[in-house]
């Protein structure tokens, strides 16, 4: 098993070490990207997912000048 390098918190024989600074910063950055993506997709697809409108509604009539 791994040796006792540095200090950490022991819990039932498992030593949890503090994460390095770059792990914390990278994790927070990726978390922010994830939430921006989730909120962007909710803005785009929210009404369809919640059943407030159909997916084919709201695209406009681009090029449908016939009698549809």
PDB file of N, CA and C in Angstrom:
ATOM      1  N   UNK A   1       0.840  -1.181   0.000  1.00  0.00           N
ATOM      2  CA  UNK A   1       0.000   0.000   0.000  1.00  0.00           C
ATOM      3  C   UNK A   1       0.886   1.245   0.000  1.00  0.00           C
ATOM      4  N   UNK A   2       0.244   2.364  -0.157  1.00  0.00           N
ATOM      5  CA  UNK A   2       0.982   3.627  -0.233  1.00  0.00           C
ATOM      6  C   UNK A   2       1.522   4.017   1.134  1.00  0.00           C
ATOM      7  N   UNK A   3       2.632   4.679   1.099  1.00  0.00           N
ATOM      8  CA  UNK A   3       3.250   5.142   2.339  1.00  0.00           C
ATOM      9  C   UNK A   3       2.581   6.401   2.854  1.00  0.00           C
ATOM     10  N   UNK A   4       2.943   6.839   4.030  1.00  0.00           N
ATOM     11  CA  UNK A   4       2.359   8.018   4.642  1.00  0.00           C
ATOM     12  C   UNK A   4       3.078   9.287   4.232  1.00  0.00           C
ATOM     13  N   UNK A   5       2.850   9.756   3.008  1.00  0.00           N
ATOM     14  CA  UNK A   5       3.504  10.965   2.511  1.00  0.00           C
ATOM     15  C   UNK A   5       2.660  12.180   2.851  1.00  0.00           C
ATOM     16  N   UNK A   6       3.192  13.049   3.655  1.00  0.00           N
ATOM     17  CA  UNK A   6       2.487  14.276   4.006  1.00  0.00           C
ATOM     18  C   UNK A   6       1.375  14.030   5.006  1.00  0.00           C
ATOM     19  N   UNK A   7       0.663  15.108   5.271  1.00  0.00           N
ATOM     20  CA  UNK A   7      -0.426  15.023   6.234  1.00  0.00           C
ATOM     21  C   UNK A   7      -1.756  14.888   5.510  1.00  0.00           C
ATOM     22  N   UNK A   8      -2.707  14.373   6.218  1.00  0.00           N
ATOM     23  CA  UNK A   8      -4.045  14.218   5.666  1.00  0.00           C
ATOM     24  C   UNK A   8      -5.012  13.874   6.784  1.00  0.00           C
ATOM     25  N   UNK A   9      -6.232  13.601   6.403  1.00  0.00           N
ATOM     26  CA  UNK A   9      -7.269  13.245   7.361  1.00  0.00           C
ATOM     27  C   UNK A   9      -7.466  11.735   7.278  1.00  0.00           C
ATOM     28  N   UNK A  10      -7.396  11.070   8.416  1.00  0.00           N
ATOM     29  CA  UNK A  10      -7.604   9.624   8.464  1.00  0.00           C
ATOM     30  C   UNK A  10      -9.054   9.316   8.808  1.00  0.00           C
ATOM     31  N   UNK A  11      -9.630   8.374   8.044  1.00  0.00           N
ATOM     32  CA  UNK A  11     -10.990   7.928   8.297  1.00  0.00           C
ATOM     33  C   UNK A  11     -11.046   6.439   8.033  1.00  0.00           C
ATOM     34  N   UNK A  12     -11.221   5.662   9.084  1.00  0.00           N
ATOM     35  CA  UNK A  12     -11.309   4.203   9.010  1.00  0.00           C
ATOM     36  C   UNK A  12     -10.159   3.593   8.204  1.00  0.00           C
ATOM     37  N   UNK A  13      -8.954   4.069   8.450  1.00  0.00           N
ATOM     38  CA  UNK A  13      -7.775   3.524   7.801  1.00  0.00           C
ATOM     39  C   UNK A  13      -7.455   4.123   6.438  1.00  0.00           C
ATOM     40  N   UNK A  14      -8.272   5.029   5.938  1.00  0.00           N
ATOM     41  CA  UNK A  14      -8.049   5.678   4.653  1.00  0.00           C
ATOM     42  C   UNK A  14      -7.562   7.100   4.901  1.00  0.00           C
ATOM     43  N   UNK A  15      -6.449   7.458   4.302  1.00  0.00           N
ATOM     44  CA  UNK A  15      -5.902   8.801   4.470  1.00  0.00           C
ATOM     45  C   UNK A  15      -6.286   9.656   3.276  1.00  0.00           C
ATOM     46  N   UNK A  16      -7.017  10.729   3.523  1.00  0.00           N
ATOM     47  CA  UNK A  16      -7.425  11.670   2.476  1.00  0.00           C
ATOM     48  C   UNK A  16      -6.482  12.861   2.511  1.00  0.00           C
ATOM     49  N   UNK A  17      -5.742  13.073   1.428  1.00  0.00           N
ATOM     50  CA  UNK A  17      -4.813  14.192   1.338  1.00  0.00           C
ATOM     51  C   UNK A  17      -5.503  15.398   0.722  1.00  0.00           C
ATOM     52  N   UNK A  18      -5.002  16.582   1.025  1.00  0.00           N
ATOM     53  CA  UNK A  18      -5.548  17.800   0.443  1.00  0.00           C
ATOM     54  C   UNK A  18      -5.214  17.825  -1.047  1.00  0.00           C
ATOM     55  N   UNK A  19      -6.158  18.258  -1.891  1.00  0.00           N
ATOM     56  CA  UNK A  19      -5.864  18.340  -3.330  1.00  0.00           C
ATOM     57  C   UNK A  19      -4.899  19.488  -3.622  1.00  0.00           C
ATOM     58  N   UNK A  20      -4.160  19.332  -4.715  1.00  0.00           N
ATOM     59  CA  UNK A  20      -3.249  20.400  -5.120  1.00  0.00           C
ATOM     60  C   UNK A  20      -4.055  21.554  -5.686  1.00  0.00           C
ATOM     61  N   UNK A  21      -3.441  22.720  -5.705  1.00  0.00           N
ATOM     62  CA  UNK A  21      -4.127  23.940  -6.148  1.00  0.00           C
ATOM     63  C   UNK A  21      -4.662  23.795  -7.575  1.00  0.00           C
ATOM     64  N   UNK A  22      -3.889  23.207  -8.474  1.00  0.00           N
ATOM     65  CA  UNK A  22      -4.336  23.114  -9.864  1.00  0.00           C
ATOM     66  C   UNK A  22      -5.515  22.161 -10.013  1.00  0.00           C
ATOM     67  N   UNK A  23      -5.627  21.158  -9.118  1.00  0.00           N
ATOM     68  CA  UNK A  23      -6.794  20.275  -9.148  1.00  0.00           C
ATOM     69  C   UNK A  23      -8.060  21.054  -8.783  1.00  0.00           C
ATOM     70  N   UNK A  24      -7.946  21.901  -7.776  1.00  0.00           N
ATOM     71  CA  UNK A  24      -9.099  22.690  -7.325  1.00  0.00           C
ATOM     72  C   UNK A  24      -9.522  23.675  -8.406  1.00  0.00           C
ATOM     73  N   UNK A  25      -8.550  24.391  -8.989  1.00  0.00           N
ATOM     74  CA  UNK A  25      -8.863  25.397 -10.010  1.00  0.00           C
ATOM     75  C   UNK A  25      -9.447  24.736 -11.262  1.00  0.00           C
ATOM     76  N   UNK A  26      -8.859  23.627 -11.700  1.00  0.00           N
ATOM     77  CA  UNK A  26      -9.361  22.925 -12.873  1.00  0.00           C
ATOM     78  C   UNK A  26     -10.762  22.387 -12.625  1.00  0.00           C
ATOM     79  N   UNK A  27     -10.995  21.836 -11.444  1.00  0.00           N
ATOM     80  CA  UNK A  27     -12.322  21.323 -11.119  1.00  0.00           C
ATOM     81  C   UNK A  27     -13.379  22.408 -11.121  1.00  0.00           C
ATOM     82  N   UNK A  28     -13.067  23.561 -10.558  1.00  0.00           N
ATOM     83  CA  UNK A  28     -14.021  24.675 -10.545  1.00  0.00           C
ATOM     84  C   UNK A  28     -14.266  25.207 -11.946  1.00  0.00           C
ATOM     85  N   UNK A  29     -13.214  25.262 -12.762  1.00  0.00           N
ATOM     86  CA  UNK A  29     -13.369  25.728 -14.141  1.00  0.00           C
ATOM     87  C   UNK A  29     -14.247  24.793 -14.954  1.00  0.00           C
ATOM     88  N   UNK A  30     -14.015  23.491 -14.836  1.00  0.00           N
ATOM     89  CA  UNK A  30     -14.829  22.525 -15.569  1.00  0.00           C
ATOM     90  C   UNK A  30     -16.267  22.508 -15.058  1.00  0.00           C
ATOM     91  N   UNK A  31     -16.446  22.750 -13.775  1.00  0.00           N
ATOM     92  CA  UNK A  31     -17.798  22.842 -13.213  1.00  0.00           C
ATOM     93  C   UNK A  31     -18.532  24.044 -13.803  1.00  0.00           C
ATOM     94  N   UNK A  32     -17.838  25.175 -13.935  1.00  0.00           N
ATOM     95  CA  UNK A  32     -18.455  26.369 -14.526  1.00  0.00           C
ATOM     96  C   UNK A  32     -18.837  26.118 -15.982  1.00  0.00           C
ATOM     97  N   UNK A  33     -17.956  25.466 -16.748  1.00  0.00           N
ATOM     98  CA  UNK A  33     -18.259  25.149 -18.148  1.00  0.00           C
ATOM     99  C   UNK A  33     -19.490  24.253 -18.230  1.00  0.00           C
ATOM    100  N   UNK A  34     -19.561  23.254 -17.341  1.00  0.00           N
ATOM    101  CA  UNK A  34     -20.703  22.351 -17.336  1.00  0.00           C
ATOM    102  C   UNK A  34     -22.005  23.116 -17.089  1.00  0.00           C
ATOM    103  N   UNK A  35     -22.017  24.007 -16.082  1.00  0.00           N
ATOM    104  CA  UNK A  35     -23.248  24.719 -15.771  1.00  0.00           C
ATOM    105  C   UNK A  35     -23.623  25.703 -16.867  1.00  0.00           C
ATOM    106  N   UNK A  36     -22.637  26.353 -17.507  1.00  0.00           N
ATOM    107  CA  UNK A  36     -22.952  27.230 -18.640  1.00  0.00           C
ATOM    108  C   UNK A  36     -23.606  26.426 -19.756  1.00  0.00           C
ATOM    109  N   UNK A  37     -23.079  25.223 -20.015  1.00  0.00           N
ATOM    110  CA  UNK A  37     -23.643  24.374 -21.064  1.00  0.00           C
ATOM    111  C   UNK A  37     -25.057  23.918 -20.697  1.00  0.00           C
ATOM    112  N   UNK A  38     -25.264  23.498 -19.463  1.00  0.00           N
ATOM    113  CA  UNK A  38     -26.591  23.050 -19.033  1.00  0.00           C
ATOM    114  C   UNK A  38     -27.602  24.184 -19.145  1.00  0.00           C
ATOM    115  N   UNK A  39     -27.244  25.375 -18.708  1.00  0.00           N
ATOM    116  CA  UNK A  39     -28.172  26.499 -18.770  1.00  0.00           C
ATOM    117  C   UNK A  39     -28.421  26.952 -20.205  1.00  0.00           C
ATOM    118  N   UNK A  40     -27.393  26.879 -21.052  1.00  0.00           N
ATOM    119  CA  UNK A  40     -27.569  27.217 -22.465  1.00  0.00           C
ATOM    120  C   UNK A  40     -28.539  26.245 -23.132  1.00  0.00           C
ATOM    121  N   UNK A  41     -28.357  24.955 -22.887  1.00  0.00           N
ATOM    122  CA  UNK A  41     -29.244  23.953 -23.484  1.00  0.00           C
ATOM    123  C   UNK A  41     -30.651  24.070 -22.905  1.00  0.00           C
ATOM    124  N   UNK A  42     -30.773  24.417 -21.629  1.00  0.00           N
ATOM    125  CA  UNK A  42     -32.098  24.605 -21.037  1.00  0.00           C
ATOM    126  C   UNK A  42     -32.811  25.785 -21.701  1.00  0.00           C
ATOM    127  N   UNK A  43     -32.058  26.826 -22.017  1.00  0.00           N
ATOM    128  CA  UNK A  43     -32.651  27.974 -22.700  1.00  0.00           C
ATOM    129  C   UNK A  43     -33.118  27.581 -24.099  1.00  0.00           C
ATOM    130  N   UNK A  44     -32.321  26.771 -24.794  1.00  0.00           N
ATOM    131  CA  UNK A  44     -32.649  26.377 -26.165  1.00  0.00           C
ATOM    132  C   UNK A  44     -33.764  25.324 -26.215  1.00  0.00           C
ATOM    133  N   UNK A  45     -33.690  24.306 -25.367  1.00  0.00           N
ATOM    134  CA  UNK A  45     -34.578  23.150 -25.460  1.00  0.00           C
ATOM    135  C   UNK A  45     -35.585  23.036 -24.318  1.00  0.00           C
ATOM    136  N   UNK A  46     -35.559  23.939 -23.374  1.00  0.00           N
ATOM    137  CA  UNK A  46     -36.418  23.839 -22.202  1.00  0.00           C
ATOM    138  C   UNK A  46     -37.895  23.710 -22.489  1.00  0.00           C
ATOM    139  N   UNK A  47     -38.465  24.594 -23.319  1.00  0.00           N
ATOM    140  CA  UNK A  47     -39.899  24.487 -23.594  1.00  0.00           C
ATOM    141  C   UNK A  47     -40.290  23.161 -24.253  1.00  0.00           C
ATOM    142  N   UNK A  48     -39.423  22.617 -25.094  1.00  0.00           N
ATOM    143  CA  UNK A  48     -39.724  21.341 -25.749  1.00  0.00           C
ATOM    144  C   UNK A  48     -39.673  20.217 -24.726  1.00  0.00           C
ATOM    145  N   UNK A  49     -38.652  20.222 -23.877  1.00  0.00           N
ATOM    146  CA  UNK A  49     -38.501  19.162 -22.877  1.00  0.00           C
ATOM    147  C   UNK A  49     -39.663  19.192 -21.885  1.00  0.00           C
ATOM    148  N   UNK A  50     -40.103  20.382 -21.521  1.00  0.00           N
ATOM    149  CA  UNK A  50     -41.201  20.507 -20.562  1.00  0.00           C
ATOM    150  C   UNK A  50     -42.570  20.332 -21.212  1.00  0.00           C
ATOM    151  N   UNK A  51     -42.613  20.202 -22.530  1.00  0.00           N
ATOM    152  CA  UNK A  51     -43.874  19.979 -23.221  1.00  0.00           C
ATOM    153  C   UNK A  51     -44.666  21.244 -23.489  1.00  0.00           C
ATOM    154  N   UNK A  52     -44.045  22.400 -23.409  1.00  0.00           N
ATOM    155  CA  UNK A  52     -44.742  23.660 -23.638  1.00  0.00           C
ATOM    156  C   UNK A  52     -44.910  23.966 -25.118  1.00  0.00           C
ATOM    157  N   UNK A  53     -44.055  23.370 -25.969  1.00  0.00           N
ATOM    158  CA  UNK A  53     -44.206  23.520 -27.413  1.00  0.00           C
ATOM    159  C   UNK A  53     -43.619  22.292 -28.096  1.00  0.00           C
ATOM    160  N   UNK A  54     -44.007  22.112 -29.358  1.00  0.00           N
ATOM    161  CA  UNK A  54     -43.506  20.983 -30.124  1.00  0.00           C
ATOM    162  C   UNK A  54     -42.158  21.341 -30.748  1.00  0.00           C
ATOM    163  N   UNK A  55     -41.296  20.356 -31.010  1.00  0.00           N
ATOM    164  CA  UNK A  55     -39.978  20.649 -31.574  1.00  0.00           C
ATOM    165  C   UNK A  55     -40.030  21.312 -32.943  1.00  0.00           C
ATOM    166  N   UNK A  56     -41.079  21.070 -33.715  1.00  0.00           N
ATOM    167  CA  UNK A  56     -41.157  21.630 -35.059  1.00  0.00           C
ATOM    168  C   UNK A  56     -41.763  23.023 -35.086  1.00  0.00           C
ATOM    169  N   UNK A  57     -42.222  23.525 -33.951  1.00  0.00           N
ATOM    170  CA  UNK A  57     -42.777  24.879 -33.892  1.00  0.00           C
ATOM    171  C   UNK A  57     -41.657  25.890 -33.662  1.00  0.00           C
ATOM    172  N   UNK A  58     -41.876  27.105 -34.149  1.00  0.00           N
ATOM    173  CA  UNK A  58     -40.961  28.187 -33.853  1.00  0.00           C
ATOM    174  C   UNK A  58     -39.754  28.296 -34.757  1.00  0.00           C
ATOM    175  N   UNK A  59     -39.734  27.547 -35.864  1.00  0.00           N
ATOM    176  CA  UNK A  59     -38.605  27.649 -36.773  1.00  0.00           C
ATOM    177  C   UNK A  59     -38.830  28.683 -37.859  1.00  0.00           C
ATOM    178  N   UNK A  60     -39.985  29.255 -37.923  1.00  0.00           N
ATOM    179  CA  UNK A  60     -40.295  30.232 -38.966  1.00  0.00           C
ATOM    180  C   UNK A  60     -40.686  29.537 -40.261  1.00  0.00           C
ATOM    181  N   UNK A  61     -41.098  30.314 -41.247  1.00  0.00           N
ATOM    182  CA  UNK A  61     -41.491  29.747 -42.536  1.00  0.00           C
ATOM    183  C   UNK A  61     -40.438  30.090 -43.575  1.00  0.00           C
ATOM    184  N   UNK A  62     -39.281  29.517 -43.466  1.00  0.00           N
ATOM    185  CA  UNK A  62     -38.195  29.784 -44.403  1.00  0.00           C
ATOM    186  C   UNK A  62     -38.392  28.960 -45.673  1.00  0.00           C
ATOM    187  N   UNK A  63     -38.794  29.629 -46.754  1.00  0.00           N
ATOM    188  CA  UNK A  63     -38.910  28.979 -48.034  1.00  0.00           C
ATOM    189  C   UNK A  63     -40.194  28.205 -48.248  1.00  0.00           C
ATOM    190  N   UNK A  64     -41.160  28.299 -47.375  1.00  0.00           N
ATOM    191  CA  UNK A  64     -42.431  27.594 -47.538  1.00  0.00           C
ATOM    192  C   UNK A  64     -43.488  28.579 -48.001  1.00  0.00           C
ATOM    193  N   UNK A  65     -43.389  28.985 -49.232  1.00  0.00           N
ATOM    194  CA  UNK A  65     -44.352  29.962 -49.734  1.00  0.00           C
ATOM    195  C   UNK A  65     -45.549  29.318 -50.383  1.00  0.00           C
ATOM    196  N   UNK A  66     -45.554  28.002 -50.433  1.00  0.00           N
ATOM    197  CA  UNK A  66     -46.707  27.284 -50.988  1.00  0.00           C
ATOM    198  C   UNK A  66     -47.875  27.350 -50.021  1.00  0.00           C
ATOM    199  N   UNK A  67     -48.875  26.584 -50.259  1.00  0.00           N
ATOM    200  CA  UNK A  67     -50.070  26.648 -49.436  1.00  0.00           C
ATOM    201  C   UNK A  67     -50.053  25.681 -48.259  1.00  0.00           C
ATOM    202  N   UNK A  68     -49.017  25.646 -47.466  1.00  0.00           N
ATOM    203  CA  UNK A  68     -48.955  24.735 -46.321  1.00  0.00           C
ATOM    204  C   UNK A  68     -49.747  25.299 -45.178  1.00  0.00           C
TER     205      UNK A  68
END
